[in-house]
Structures are given as structure tokens and as C-alpha cells.
C-alpha atoms as a PDB file:
ATOM      1  CA  MET A   1     109.601  82.677  89.923  1.00  0.00           C
ATOM      2  CA  LYS A   2     112.878  84.017  90.208  1.00  0.00           C
ATOM      3  CA  THR A   3     113.118  88.243  90.614  1.00  0.00           C
ATOM      4  CA  ILE A   4     113.481  90.208  93.485  1.00  0.00           C
ATOM      5  CA  ARG A   5     110.260  91.919  92.719  1.00  0.00           C
ATOM      6  CA  ILE A   6     107.865  89.124  94.116  1.00  0.00           C
ATOM      7  CA  ILE A   7     106.456  91.555  96.601  1.00  0.00           C
ATOM      8  CA  VAL A   8     103.476  89.671  97.815  1.00  0.00           C
ATOM      9  CA  VAL A   9     102.385  92.510  97.814  1.00  0.00           C
ATOM     10  CA  LEU A  10     100.621  96.157  97.943  1.00  0.00           C
ATOM     11  CA  PHE A  11      98.518  97.677  99.308  1.00  0.00           C
ATOM     12  CA  ILE A  12      95.143  96.455  99.280  1.00  0.00           C
ATOM     13  CA  SER A  13      94.529 100.020  99.041  1.00  0.00           C
ATOM     14  CA  VAL A  14      96.485 100.562  95.907  1.00  0.00           C
ATOM     15  CA  LEU A  15      95.517  97.790  94.759  1.00  0.00           C
ATOM     16  CA  ALA A  16      91.860  98.836  95.166  1.00  0.00           C
ATOM     17  CA  ALA A  17      92.412 102.057  93.143  1.00  0.00           C
ATOM     18  CA  CYS A  18      94.458 100.485  90.511  1.00  0.00           C
ATOM     19  CA  ASN A  19      91.926  98.157  89.753  1.00  0.00           C
ATOM     20  CA  GLY A  20      88.496 100.124  88.545  1.00  0.00           C
ATOM     21  CA  PHE A  21      87.148  99.509  85.388  1.00  0.00           C
ATOM     22  CA  SER A  22      83.976  98.379  84.821  1.00  0.00           C
ATOM     23  CA  ASN A  23      82.925  94.563  84.358  1.00  0.00           C
ATOM     24  CA  THR A  24      80.716  95.404  81.099  1.00  0.00           C
ATOM     25  CA  PRO A  25      81.261  92.454  78.362  1.00  0.00           C
ATOM     26  CA  VAL A  26      82.690  93.324  75.503  1.00  0.00           C
ATOM     27  CA  SER A  27      81.901  92.017  72.079  1.00  0.00           C
ATOM     28  CA  SER A  28      83.498  89.479  70.909  1.00  0.00           C
ATOM     29  CA  THR A  29      82.787  90.174  67.234  1.00  0.00           C
ATOM     30  CA  ALA A  30      84.433  94.203  67.088  1.00  0.00           C
ATOM     31  CA  ILE A  31      87.039  94.317  65.419  1.00  0.00           C
ATOM     32  CA  PRO A  32      89.729  96.318  66.661  1.00  0.00           C
ATOM     33  CA  ARG A  33      90.979  99.314  65.368  1.00  0.00           C
ATOM     34  CA  LEU A  34      94.290  99.159  67.758  1.00  0.00           C
ATOM     35  CA  SER A  35      98.312 100.600  65.825  1.00  0.00           C
ATOM     36  CA  PRO A  36     100.893  98.001  66.042  1.00  0.00           C
ATOM     37  CA  GLU A  37     102.458  99.253  69.235  1.00  0.00           C
ATOM     38  CA  ALA A  38      99.426  99.211  71.273  1.00  0.00           C
ATOM     39  CA  THR A  39      98.480  96.029  70.104  1.00  0.00           C
ATOM     40  CA  LYS A  40     101.265  94.448  70.498  1.00  0.00           C
ATOM     41  CA  TYR A  41     101.826  96.590  74.546  1.00  0.00           C
ATOM     42  CA  LEU A  42      98.564  94.687  75.057  1.00  0.00           C
ATOM     43  CA  ASN A  43      99.624  91.166  73.578  1.00  0.00           C
ATOM     44  CA  ASP A  44     102.639  91.515  75.352  1.00  0.00           C
ATOM     45  CA  ALA A  45     100.775  92.070  78.184  1.00  0.00           C
ATOM     46  CA  LEU A  46      98.385  89.237  77.548  1.00  0.00           C
ATOM     47  CA  ASP A  47     101.411  87.078  77.106  1.00  0.00           C
ATOM     48  CA  LEU A  48     102.404  87.102  80.407  1.00  0.00           C
ATOM     49  CA  MET A  49      99.051  86.846  82.366  1.00  0.00           C
ATOM     50  CA  GLN A  50      98.973  83.605  80.397  1.00  0.00           C
ATOM     51  CA  ASN A  51     102.350  82.026  80.951  1.00  0.00           C
ATOM     52  CA  ASN A  52     102.869  83.084  84.450  1.00  0.00           C
ATOM     53  CA  SER A  53      98.767  83.917  86.480  1.00  0.00           C
ATOM     54  CA  ILE A  54      97.922  81.426  88.733  1.00  0.00           C
ATOM     55  CA  ASN A  55      95.330  80.663  87.850  1.00  0.00           C
ATOM     56  CA  LYS A  56      96.277  80.140  83.777  1.00  0.00           C
ATOM     57  CA  ASP A  57      95.014  76.360  83.407  1.00  0.00           C
ATOM     58  CA  LYS A  58      91.356  77.872  84.175  1.00  0.00           C
ATOM     59  CA  ILE A  59      90.765  80.244  81.884  1.00  0.00           C
ATOM     60  CA  ASP A  60      89.686  80.582  78.067  1.00  0.00           C
ATOM     61  CA  TRP A  61      92.389  82.845  76.866  1.00  0.00           C
ATOM     62  CA  PRO A  62      90.969  82.992  73.280  1.00  0.00           C
ATOM     63  CA  THR A  63      88.739  84.571  74.230  1.00  0.00           C
ATOM     64  CA  LEU A  64      89.649  86.819  76.816  1.00  0.00           C
ATOM     65  CA  ARG A  65      92.911  88.146  74.455  1.00  0.00           C
ATOM     66  CA  ALA A  66      89.718  88.657  71.408  1.00  0.00           C
ATOM     67  CA  ASP A  67      87.530  90.727  74.612  1.00  0.00           C
ATOM     68  CA  MET A  68      90.488  93.015  75.371  1.00  0.00           C
ATOM     69  CA  LEU A  69      91.393  93.919  71.739  1.00  0.00           C
ATOM     70  CA  ASN A  70      88.167  94.451  71.130  1.00  0.00           C
ATOM     71  CA  ALA A  71      87.635  96.798  74.111  1.00  0.00           C
ATOM     72  CA  ALA A  72      90.732  99.034  73.953  1.00  0.00           C
ATOM     73  CA  ASN A  73      89.727  99.415  69.977  1.00  0.00           C
ATOM     74  CA  GLY A  74      91.132 103.051  68.247  1.00  0.00           C
ATOM     75  CA  ALA A  75      94.314 102.581  71.115  1.00  0.00           C
ATOM     76  CA  GLN A  76      97.002 104.009  69.805  1.00  0.00           C
ATOM     77  CA  ILE A  77      99.898 104.571  72.221  1.00  0.00           C
ATOM     78  CA  PRO A  78     100.319 102.094  75.229  1.00  0.00           C
ATOM     79  CA  ALA A  79      98.840 104.672  78.471  1.00  0.00           C
ATOM     80  CA  ASP A  80      95.543 103.839  75.624  1.00  0.00           C
ATOM     81  CA  THR A  81      95.604 100.457  76.545  1.00  0.00           C
ATOM     82  CA  TYR A  82      95.812 100.595  80.502  1.00  0.00           C
ATOM     83  CA  ARG A  83      92.790 100.724  81.859  1.00  0.00           C
ATOM     84  CA  ILE A  84      92.162  97.238  79.441  1.00  0.00           C
ATOM     85  CA  ILE A  85      94.977  95.652  81.576  1.00  0.00           C
ATOM     86  CA  LYS A  86      93.307  95.860  84.615  1.00  0.00           C
ATOM     87  CA  MET A  87      90.027  94.788  83.672  1.00  0.00           C
ATOM     88  CA  ALA A  88      92.169  92.295  81.899  1.00  0.00           C
ATOM     89  CA  LEU A  89      94.254  91.295  85.833  1.00  0.00           C
ATOM     90  CA  SER A  90      90.383  91.421  87.082  1.00  0.00           C
ATOM     91  CA  ARG A  91      88.829  88.459  84.297  1.00  0.00           C
ATOM     92  CA  LEU A  92      91.851  86.214  85.989  1.00  0.00           C
ATOM     93  CA  ASN A  93      90.029  85.828  89.320  1.00  0.00           C
ATOM     94  CA  ASP A  94      92.760  85.803  91.471  1.00  0.00           C
ATOM     95  CA  HIS A  95      91.811  89.138  93.246  1.00  0.00           C
ATOM     96  CA  HIS A  96      95.469  90.676  94.645  1.00  0.00           C
ATOM     97  CA  SER A  97      97.096  91.338  90.716  1.00  0.00           C
ATOM     98  CA  ILE A  98      97.585  95.108  90.339  1.00  0.00           C
ATOM     99  CA  PHE A  99      98.898  97.230  87.453  1.00  0.00           C
ATOM    100  CA  ILE A 100     100.760 100.434  87.932  1.00  0.00           C
ATOM    101  CA  ASP A 101     102.026 102.642  85.347  1.00  0.00           C
ATOM    102  CA  PRO A 102     105.474 104.462  84.422  1.00  0.00           C
ATOM    103  CA  GLN A 103     105.370 107.361  87.377  1.00  0.00           C
ATOM    104  CA  GLN A 104     103.532 105.099  90.528  1.00  0.00           C
ATOM    105  CA  ALA A 105     106.625 102.513  89.330  1.00  0.00           C
ATOM    106  CA  SER A 106     109.558 105.297  89.014  1.00  0.00           C
ATOM    107  CA  ALA A 107     108.179 106.219  92.656  1.00  0.00           C
ATOM    108  CA  ALA A 108     108.472 103.731  93.950  1.00  0.00           C
ATOM    109  CA  GLU A 109     111.958 102.764  92.823  1.00  0.00           C
ATOM    110  CA  SER A 110     113.165 106.218  93.466  1.00  0.00           C
ATOM    111  CA  GLY A 111     111.738 105.894  97.069  1.00  0.00           C
ATOM    112  CA  THR A 112     109.572 108.952  96.491  1.00  0.00           C
ATOM    113  CA  SER A 113     106.524 106.990  97.228  1.00  0.00           C
ATOM    114  CA  PRO A 114     104.323 107.490 100.423  1.00  0.00           C
ATOM    115  CA  THR A 115     107.378 107.461 103.276  1.00  0.00           C
ATOM    116  CA  PRO A 116     106.745 103.661 105.548  1.00  0.00           C
ATOM    117  CA  MET A 117     106.443 103.933 108.668  1.00  0.00           C
ATOM    118  CA  PRO A 118     108.622 103.345 111.472  1.00  0.00           C
ATOM    119  CA  PRO A 119     108.643  99.981 113.521  1.00  0.00           C
ATOM    120  CA  GLU A 120     107.133 100.603 116.638  1.00  0.00           C
ATOM    121  CA  ILE A 121     110.153  98.480 119.103  1.00  0.00           C
ATOM    122  CA  LYS A 122     110.453  98.582 122.809  1.00  0.00           C
ATOM    123  CA  LEU A 123     110.359  96.505 126.329  1.00  0.00           C
ATOM    124  CA  VAL A 124     106.651  95.374 127.486  1.00  0.00           C
ATOM    125  CA  GLU A 125     105.950  94.778 131.084  1.00  0.00           C
ATOM    126  CA  ASN A 126     109.713  94.541 131.663  1.00  0.00           C
ATOM    127  CA  LYS A 127     110.181  91.326 130.382  1.00  0.00           C
ATOM    128  CA  PHE A 128     108.752  90.985 126.458  1.00  0.00           C
ATOM    129  CA  GLY A 129     110.571  92.208 123.634  1.00  0.00           C
ATOM    130  CA  TYR A 130     107.680  94.522 121.113  1.00  0.00           C
ATOM    131  CA  VAL A 131     108.291  94.759 117.605  1.00  0.00           C
ATOM    132  CA  ALA A 132     105.463  96.248 115.770  1.00  0.00           C
ATOM    133  CA  VAL A 133     105.859  95.567 111.888  1.00  0.00           C
ATOM    134  CA  PRO A 134     104.098  97.891 109.687  1.00  0.00           C
ATOM    135  CA  GLY A 135     103.257  97.780 105.874  1.00  0.00           C
ATOM    136  CA  TYR A 136     106.130  98.598 103.491  1.00  0.00           C
ATOM    137  CA  TRP A 137     106.050 100.601 100.570  1.00  0.00           C
ATOM    138  CA  GLY A 138     108.409 101.336  97.990  1.00  0.00           C
ATOM    139  CA  LEU A 139     111.217  99.419  95.557  1.00  0.00           C
ATOM    140  CA  ASN A 140     114.237 100.896  96.341  1.00  0.00           C
ATOM    141  CA  GLU A 141     116.806  98.507  96.955  1.00  0.00           C
ATOM    142  CA  ASP A 142     119.365 100.755  99.404  1.00  0.00           C
ATOM    143  CA  LEU A 143     116.210 102.675 101.533  1.00  0.00           C
ATOM    144  CA  ILE A 144     114.802  98.197 101.800  1.00  0.00           C
ATOM    145  CA  ASN A 145     118.452  97.194 103.315  1.00  0.00           C
ATOM    146  CA  GLN A 146     118.311 100.798 105.446  1.00  0.00           C
ATOM    147  CA  TYR A 147     114.580 100.411 107.352  1.00  0.00           C
ATOM    148  CA  GLY A 148     115.656  96.609 107.862  1.00  0.00           C
ATOM    149  CA  THR A 149     119.261  97.528 108.910  1.00  0.00           C
ATOM    150  CA  ASP A 150     117.068  99.592 111.051  1.00  0.00           C
ATOM    151  CA  MET A 151     114.589  97.739 113.102  1.00  0.00           C
ATOM    152  CA  GLN A 152     117.769  94.846 113.645  1.00  0.00           C
ATOM    153  CA  LYS A 153     119.446  98.283 115.152  1.00  0.00           C
ATOM    154  CA  LYS A 154     116.274  98.951 117.703  1.00  0.00           C
ATOM    155  CA  ILE A 155     115.838  94.491 117.901  1.00  0.00           C
ATOM    156  CA  GLU A 156     119.935  94.760 119.566  1.00  0.00           C
ATOM    157  CA  GLU A 157     118.561  97.638 122.072  1.00  0.00           C
ATOM    158  CA  ILE A 158     115.564  95.875 123.299  1.00  0.00           C
ATOM    159  CA  ASP A 159     117.493  92.751 123.768  1.00  0.00           C
ATOM    160  CA  ARG A 160     120.658  93.373 125.421  1.00  0.00           C
ATOM    161  CA  GLN A 161     117.944  94.610 128.333  1.00  0.00           C
ATOM    162  CA  LYS A 162     116.581  90.735 128.197  1.00  0.00           C
ATOM    163  CA  PRO A 163     113.587  90.217 127.822  1.00  0.00           C
ATOM    164  CA  CYS A 164     112.397  86.026 128.747  1.00  0.00           C
ATOM    165  CA  GLY A 165     110.129  86.008 124.917  1.00  0.00           C
ATOM    166  CA  TRP A 166     108.639  88.262 121.781  1.00  0.00           C
ATOM    167  CA  ILE A 167     105.966  90.024 120.784  1.00  0.00           C
ATOM    168  CA  VAL A 168     106.147  90.524 117.015  1.00  0.00           C
ATOM    169  CA  ASP A 169     102.478  92.506 115.767  1.00  0.00           C
ATOM    170  CA  LEU A 170     101.642  92.466 112.197  1.00  0.00           C
ATOM    171  CA  ARG A 171      97.642  93.737 113.346  1.00  0.00           C
ATOM    172  CA  GLY A 172      98.258  96.169 111.147  1.00  0.00           C
ATOM    173  CA  ASN A 173     100.463  95.642 108.435  1.00  0.00           C
ATOM    174  CA  ASP A 174      98.852  95.901 105.390  1.00  0.00           C
ATOM    175  CA  GLY A 175     101.110  94.587 103.084  1.00  0.00           C
ATOM    176  CA  GLY A 176     103.585  95.984 100.661  1.00  0.00           C
ATOM    177  CA  ASN A 177     107.462  94.783 100.082  1.00  0.00           C
ATOM    178  CA  MET A 178     108.231  91.951 102.361  1.00  0.00           C
ATOM    179  CA  TRP A 179     111.650  91.914 101.940  1.00  0.00           C
ATOM    180  CA  PRO A 180     112.619  94.768 104.359  1.00  0.00           C
ATOM    181  CA  MET A 181     110.144  93.280 106.635  1.00  0.00           C
ATOM    182  CA  LEU A 182     112.250  89.824 106.541  1.00  0.00           C
ATOM    183  CA  ILE A 183     115.184  91.230 107.307  1.00  0.00           C
ATOM    184  CA  GLY A 184     114.214  93.619 109.615  1.00  0.00           C
ATOM    185  CA  ILE A 185     112.967  90.781 112.180  1.00  0.00           C
ATOM    186  CA  GLY A 186     115.171  88.060 111.302  1.00  0.00           C
ATOM    187  CA  PRO A 187     116.794  88.063 114.475  1.00  0.00           C
ATOM    188  CA  ILE A 188     113.390  87.223 116.058  1.00  0.00           C
ATOM    189  CA  LEU A 189     112.188  84.772 113.085  1.00  0.00           C
ATOM    190  CA  GLY A 190     115.322  82.966 112.915  1.00  0.00           C
ATOM    191  CA  GLU A 191     117.715  81.323 110.294  1.00  0.00           C
ATOM    192  CA  GLY A 192     116.349  79.225 107.556  1.00  0.00           C
ATOM    193  CA  LYS A 193     114.023  78.264 105.226  1.00  0.00           C
ATOM    194  CA  ALA A 194     111.410  80.618 105.644  1.00  0.00           C
ATOM    195  CA  GLY A 195     107.562  79.401 103.865  1.00  0.00           C
ATOM    196  CA  SER A 196     107.411  78.848 100.203  1.00  0.00           C
ATOM    197  CA  TRP A 197     105.298  79.602  97.341  1.00  0.00           C
ATOM    198  CA  VAL A 198     103.655  77.818  94.843  1.00  0.00           C
ATOM    199  CA  ASP A 199     103.113  78.099  91.263  1.00  0.00           C
ATOM    200  CA  ALA A 200     100.258  76.972  88.357  1.00  0.00           C
ATOM    201  CA  ASP A 201     102.517  73.809  87.483  1.00  0.00           C
ATOM    202  CA  GLY A 202     103.768  73.122  90.826  1.00  0.00           C
ATOM    203  CA  SER A 203     106.903  74.310  91.399  1.00  0.00           C
ATOM    204  CA  GLU A 204     108.136  75.830  94.950  1.00  0.00           C
ATOM    205  CA  THR A 205     110.454  78.385  95.422  1.00  0.00           C
ATOM    206  CA  GLU A 206     111.854  78.882  99.167  1.00  0.00           C
ATOM    207  CA  TRP A 207     111.895  81.791 100.532  1.00  0.00           C
ATOM    208  CA  ALA A 208     114.221  82.164 104.204  1.00  0.00           C
ATOM    209  CA  TYR A 209     115.897  84.336 106.370  1.00  0.00           C
ATOM    210  CA  LEU A 210     120.251  83.600 106.025  1.00  0.00           C
ATOM    211  CA  ASN A 211     122.656  85.656 108.970  1.00  0.00           C
ATOM    212  CA  GLY A 212     120.234  89.534 107.616  1.00  0.00           C
ATOM    213  CA  LYS A 213     119.619  88.573 103.834  1.00  0.00           C
ATOM    214  CA  GLY A 214     116.564  88.226 102.572  1.00  0.00           C
ATOM    215  CA  MET A 215     116.236  84.662 100.236  1.00  0.00           C
ATOM    216  CA  ILE A 216     114.713  83.536  97.009  1.00  0.00           C
ATOM    217  CA  ASP A 217     116.065  79.950  96.763  1.00  0.00           C
ATOM    218  CA  ILE A 218     119.998  80.894  96.082  1.00  0.00           C
ATOM    219  CA  GLU A 219     119.309  84.749  95.776  1.00  0.00           C
ATOM    220  CA  VAL A 220     119.571  87.995  97.300  1.00  0.00           C
ATOM    221  CA  ALA A 221     116.285  89.795  97.371  1.00  0.00           C
ATOM    222  CA  SER A 222     117.335  92.201 100.471  1.00  0.00           C
ATOM    223  CA  ASP A 223     121.198  92.201 103.106  1.00  0.00           C
ATOM    224  CA  VAL A 224     121.695  93.643 105.765  1.00  0.00           C
ATOM    225  CA  ILE A 225     124.394  96.735 106.259  1.00  0.00           C
ATOM    226  CA  GLY A 226     126.670  95.454 107.921  1.00  0.00           C
ATOM    227  CA  GLU A 227     126.831  92.558 110.709  1.00  0.00           C
ATOM    228  CA  PRO A 228     123.507  91.143 111.492  1.00  0.00           C
ATOM    229  CA  TYR A 229     122.173  90.959 114.414  1.00  0.00           C
ATOM    230  CA  HIS A 230     121.612  87.788 116.492  1.00  0.00           C
ATOM    231  CA  LEU A 231     119.322  87.328 119.416  1.00  0.00           C
ATOM    232  CA  ALA A 232     121.141  86.648 123.124  1.00  0.00           C
ATOM    233  CA  ASN A 233     118.063  83.813 123.225  1.00  0.00           C
ATOM    234  CA  PRO A 234     116.815  82.581 119.424  1.00  0.00           C
ATOM    235  CA  GLU A 235     114.702  79.865 120.396  1.00  0.00           C
ATOM    236  CA  ALA A 236     113.084  82.534 123.256  1.00  0.00           C
ATOM    237  CA  PRO A 237     109.438  82.109 122.496  1.00  0.00           C
ATOM    238  CA  VAL A 238     106.931  84.694 120.147  1.00  0.00           C
ATOM    239  CA  ALA A 239     103.943  85.523 120.056  1.00  0.00           C
ATOM    240  CA  VAL A 240     102.775  86.705 117.036  1.00  0.00           C
ATOM    241  CA  LEU A 241      99.964  89.348 116.377  1.00  0.00           C
ATOM    242  CA  PHE A 242      97.605  88.845 113.068  1.00  0.00           C
ATOM    243  CA  GLY A 243      93.782  90.147 112.776  1.00  0.00           C
ATOM    244  CA  PRO A 244      91.631  91.364 109.501  1.00  0.00           C
ATOM    245  CA  LYS A 245      93.535  94.501 107.934  1.00  0.00           C
ATOM    246  CA  THR A 246      96.878  91.855 107.965  1.00  0.00           C
ATOM    247  CA  ALA A 247      97.134  91.342 104.556  1.00  0.00           C
ATOM    248  CA  SER A 248      99.539  90.264 101.464  1.00  0.00           C
ATOM    249  CA  SER A 249     102.884  90.659 102.421  1.00  0.00           C
ATOM    250  CA  GLY A 250     102.060  91.736 106.128  1.00  0.00           C
ATOM    251  CA  GLU A 251     100.294  88.198 106.155  1.00  0.00           C
ATOM    252  CA  VAL A 252     103.146  86.420 104.164  1.00  0.00           C
ATOM    253  CA  ILE A 253     105.623  87.685 107.715  1.00  0.00           C
ATOM    254  CA  VAL A 254     102.387  86.358 109.562  1.00  0.00           C
ATOM    255  CA  ILE A 255     103.626  82.533 107.317  1.00  0.00           C
ATOM    256  CA  SER A 256     106.534  82.941 107.836  1.00  0.00           C
ATOM    257  CA  PHE A 257     106.550  82.818 112.027  1.00  0.00           C
ATOM    258  CA  ILE A 258     104.134  79.319 111.824  1.00  0.00           C
ATOM    259  CA  GLY A 259     106.359  76.580 112.862  1.00  0.00           C
ATOM    260  CA  ARG A 260     108.923  77.700 114.268  1.00  0.00           C
ATOM    261  CA  THR A 261     109.530  76.834 117.841  1.00  0.00           C
ATOM    262  CA  ASN A 262     108.176  78.609 120.745  1.00  0.00           C
ATOM    263  CA  THR A 263     105.507  80.700 118.708  1.00  0.00           C
ATOM    264  CA  ARG A 264     102.084  80.669 118.980  1.00  0.00           C
ATOM    265  CA  THR A 265      99.482  83.078 117.021  1.00  0.00           C
ATOM    266  CA  PHE A 266      97.129  85.814 118.198  1.00  0.00           C
ATOM    267  CA  GLY A 267      94.024  87.521 117.028  1.00  0.00           C
ATOM    268  CA  SER A 268      91.412  87.403 114.463  1.00  0.00           C
ATOM    269  CA  ASN A 269      91.570  85.456 110.597  1.00  0.00           C
ATOM    270  CA  SER A 270      94.007  87.958 108.380  1.00  0.00           C
ATOM    271  CA  GLY A 271      92.986  89.675 105.272  1.00  0.00           C
ATOM    272  CA  GLY A 272      93.107  87.245 103.156  1.00  0.00           C
ATOM    273  CA  TYR A 273      95.533  87.941 100.555  1.00  0.00           C
ATOM    274  CA  THR A 274      98.480  84.559 101.227  1.00  0.00           C
ATOM    275  CA  THR A 275      98.734  84.619  97.779  1.00  0.00           C
ATOM    276  CA  ALA A 276     102.539  85.944  95.839  1.00  0.00           C
ATOM    277  CA  ASN A 277     102.376  88.577  93.192  1.00  0.00           C
ATOM    278  CA  GLU A 278     105.446  88.537  90.593  1.00  0.00           C
ATOM    279  CA  GLY A 279     106.811  91.876  89.117  1.00  0.00           C
ATOM    280  CA  PHE A 280     106.477  92.154  85.193  1.00  0.00           C
ATOM    281  CA  PRO A 281     108.042  94.859  84.034  1.00  0.00           C
ATOM    282  CA  LEU A 282     107.027  96.577  80.500  1.00  0.00           C
ATOM    283  CA  SER A 283     108.350  98.255  78.025  1.00  0.00           C
ATOM    284  CA  ASP A 284     107.482 101.816  78.957  1.00  0.00           C
ATOM    285  CA  GLU A 285     108.367 100.448  82.309  1.00  0.00           C
ATOM    286  CA  ALA A 286     104.597  99.811  84.157  1.00  0.00           C
ATOM    287  CA  ILE A 287     104.764  96.490  85.620  1.00  0.00           C
ATOM    288  CA  ILE A 288     101.486  94.348  86.404  1.00  0.00           C
ATOM    289  CA  PHE A 289     102.551  92.908  89.666  1.00  0.00           C
ATOM    290  CA  LEU A 290     100.510  89.287  88.743  1.00  0.00           C
ATOM    291  CA  THR A 291      99.278  86.848  91.253  1.00  0.00           C
ATOM    292  CA  THR A 292     101.896  83.734  90.541  1.00  0.00           C
ATOM    293  CA  ALA A 293     101.993  81.643  93.311  1.00  0.00           C
ATOM    294  CA  VAL A 294      99.645  80.086  96.564  1.00  0.00           C
ATOM    295  CA  THR A 295     101.844  80.150  99.775  1.00  0.00           C
ATOM    296  CA  GLU A 296     103.047  77.420 101.479  1.00  0.00           C
ATOM    297  CA  ASP A 297     104.414  77.627 105.594  1.00  0.00           C
ATOM    298  CA  ARG A 298     107.369  75.560 106.845  1.00  0.00           C
ATOM    299  CA  THR A 299     105.203  72.218 108.024  1.00  0.00           C
ATOM    300  CA  GLY A 300     103.681  72.483 104.652  1.00  0.00           C
ATOM    301  CA  LYS A 301     100.183  73.734 104.664  1.00  0.00           C
ATOM    302  CA  LEU A 302      99.229  75.477 101.929  1.00  0.00           C
ATOM    303  CA  TYR A 303      97.084  79.304 101.850  1.00  0.00           C
ATOM    304  CA  SER A 304      95.630  81.447  99.391  1.00  0.00           C
ATOM    305  CA  ASN A 305      92.687  82.857 101.877  1.00  0.00           C
ATOM    306  CA  ALA A 306      92.466  84.458 104.796  1.00  0.00           C
ATOM    307  CA  ILE A 307      95.142  82.924 108.266  1.00  0.00           C
ATOM    308  CA  ILE A 308      93.790  81.496 111.192  1.00  0.00           C
ATOM    309  CA  PRO A 309      95.235  82.343 114.447  1.00  0.00           C
ATOM    310  CA  ASP A 310      95.716  80.259 117.307  1.00  0.00           C
ATOM    311  CA  VAL A 311      94.157  81.981 119.845  1.00  0.00           C
ATOM    312  CA  ARG A 312      91.368  83.954 118.482  1.00  0.00           C
ATOM    313  CA  THR A 313      91.333  87.335 121.144  1.00  0.00           C
ATOM    314  CA  ASP A 314      88.768  90.064 120.994  1.00  0.00           C
ATOM    315  CA  GLY A 315      89.389  93.683 121.010  1.00  0.00           C
ATOM    316  CA  ASP A 316      91.505  95.750 119.000  1.00  0.00           C
ATOM    317  CA  ASN A 317      93.213  94.873 116.181  1.00  0.00           C
ATOM    318  CA  ASP A 318      95.337  97.979 115.236  1.00  0.00           C
ATOM    319  CA  HIS A 319      99.043  99.111 114.396  1.00  0.00           C
ATOM    320  CA  ALA A 320     100.631  98.845 118.080  1.00  0.00           C
ATOM    321  CA  GLY A 321      96.938  98.667 120.256  1.00  0.00           C
ATOM    322  CA  PRO A 322      96.594  97.123 123.873  1.00  0.00           C
ATOM    323  CA  VAL A 323      97.969  93.474 123.545  1.00  0.00           C
ATOM    324  CA  PRO A 324      96.044  90.626 124.415  1.00  0.00           C
ATOM    325  CA  GLU A 325      95.899  89.220 127.498  1.00  0.00           C
ATOM    326  CA  ASP A 326      95.787  85.589 126.203  1.00  0.00           C
ATOM    327  CA  ALA A 327      99.014  86.664 124.365  1.00  0.00           C
ATOM    328  CA  LEU A 328     100.646  87.993 127.585  1.00  0.00           C
ATOM    329  CA  GLN A 329      99.324  84.955 129.278  1.00  0.00           C
ATOM    330  CA  TRP A 330     101.182  83.021 127.663  1.00  0.00           C
ATOM    331  CA  LEU A 331     104.644  84.360 126.930  1.00  0.00           C
ATOM    332  CA  GLY A 332     104.435  84.279 130.411  1.00  0.00           C
ATOM    333  CA  ASP A 333     103.557  80.699 131.325  1.00  0.00           C
ATOM    334  CA  GLN A 334     106.655  79.759 128.701  1.00  0.00           C
ATOM    335  CA  PRO A 335     110.534  78.546 130.646  1.00  0.00           C
ATOM    336  CA  ALA A 336     112.100  81.515 129.227  1.00  0.00           C
ATOM    337  CA  CYS A 337     109.994  83.706 131.138  1.00  0.00           C
ATOM    338  CA  ASP A 338     108.756  81.643 134.100  1.00  0.00           C
END
């Protein structure tokens, strides 16, 4: 799991749209009549699933493969098998894997996919820095790095006003690409390991923020442009907000803060898409984003479902909504803000 395509992952709305299929059982006695091209394409996709899925040891692969080849009866070109690949992904029962076709993948790579919302960064109560981090859809490396760089510059502007603590608001973050979020919020998160992914074989892959870079073990996944910013007080207290709309890579950013000193989480249970997805390009440049690992915070706790906050709060769970009073009070009680 060394590729920078560990996205952890796409919008839940995209997840729903891309996984439309019928669950109607398929007879395993039918004789599939596929072209060699379609057969190879589908088998290649099934091989990726069998070798890498987090649930690979729980699947009856001969039966699944036979069912999918039968369901693809008559397919002549790769596009004819897309529906079957989505069906196969659903049979993995990880509730997170998706397939995107070459057009969707091209839009994500080029940056012509829907423009991500900018983060909202400001001073609140005249003493707390506030950063609302939305989801980010896109794979273009230059745009990823620019987005993170712009976030750091805005954080620097607020930090020069000497906030005593920070609020990181992920209540409206429904996922996407974690890497622009990670480097953007890096000055507040701080240096070092932020978490790990653990695959079906027990192999562990770390992610970290190091001097402006988002890291997968020793590989650079994202990097701010120019010199990264460092907070005047790198140990400032941080209140992290999340809720049911926080999903996928939004949840990964929450997990990145768990175990950080002077940090507390507030809100309600997250969306429950905390597993990690890795992108596997196919021969026609479609991509399978396959769930390959569960997520582990820096303390060693594993997550495969919803994150539970330290302090449960009622009220607005939308992006950039009112900050819960419990979070403001906790920050105000910290020594840096007393």
C-alpha cells in the first residue's frame, strides 16, 4: 500500500452514485460468452480485489468469480463490464470500495471535477483560531499542493493575531482526497506520525505530516509550495469538531488529531467510513478505489466504523455552524487561554 492514491476516500454521494447495481443472484451454471478483451479486463479487476481487499480472506473467490463472469455474459469491451465490477465490489461487504470510469478519473486528475469548497479560516471570540475544513474531490497533484499551501497561508494570517487555541471544524467534511487537507491543517496538527493503515495481512503503513509534506511511510504524497508555516505555539490546545456528515477522509483527519497533546473532540458519532481506500488504475484508465485497510490512530486504537467524540454535543452539525459551547469552554479553561 505504497501508492499516493490512498485517498480514504470519495464523497459519500459519489459512493452511492458509483455503486448502483442489482443484487439479483446470478446462476453459476450459465456458460459465459465474453470476448477475450472483456474477459481479461474483468479478471484483472477481480484479481486486484482478491489480492488486496481488506476482506479478501472472507470471500469465496471461485464462486464470486464464476458469478461475475456469468453476469458479464455477452460483454465485448471493458465498458461492458463496469456494472459487473461494481457488483463485485458490493459483494466484498466493505461498504466503501467504489469504481470510477475513465471519464470520471480524467476529470479528477485534470482538476475539472467539481471545485472543492475553500476552507473557512478566521478568529472567533477574539482569541481562538477557527478552521473549517471541507471535503476535497480531485487528484491533480499541483492543485492538491496549492490548496494545502493556501490553507497554511491563511492559518499564518490568523496565527499572527495570537490565538491561544484552535478549533478544527470537520462537521461538514464528507471526504475526498485526504492529502490537501493534511498538509493544509499541518501547522495545527503538528509534526510526526498521525496514524496508520493496517491491511488484511497485518502490514502497517504510516501517514504523517513532516515539515510541509504529507507522508506515506517514506514517500511524499503532498507538499506545500515554498516554506511551510509553523505555529507560534505548536502545543496550543485544539478542539476538533465532527458529526454524522464527517466521513471517509474527513474521518481520517479527525483520527490524525486523536492522541495529539492538548486536544479534545466534540460532536456526535461520525459517518462510519473510517476504512482506507487505495486506487488501482485499470488498463483503460478507469480506477477501482478498493478498501484495503482499517485505520489506526497514533495511540494504537483501530477504527473500522464511526468515531465517538470525547464530548457529545447537541446542535448544528453542518459545515461552519455555531461552535458548541462545550468546546469554547474547554478551550477557554486551558492554561494557554486562561
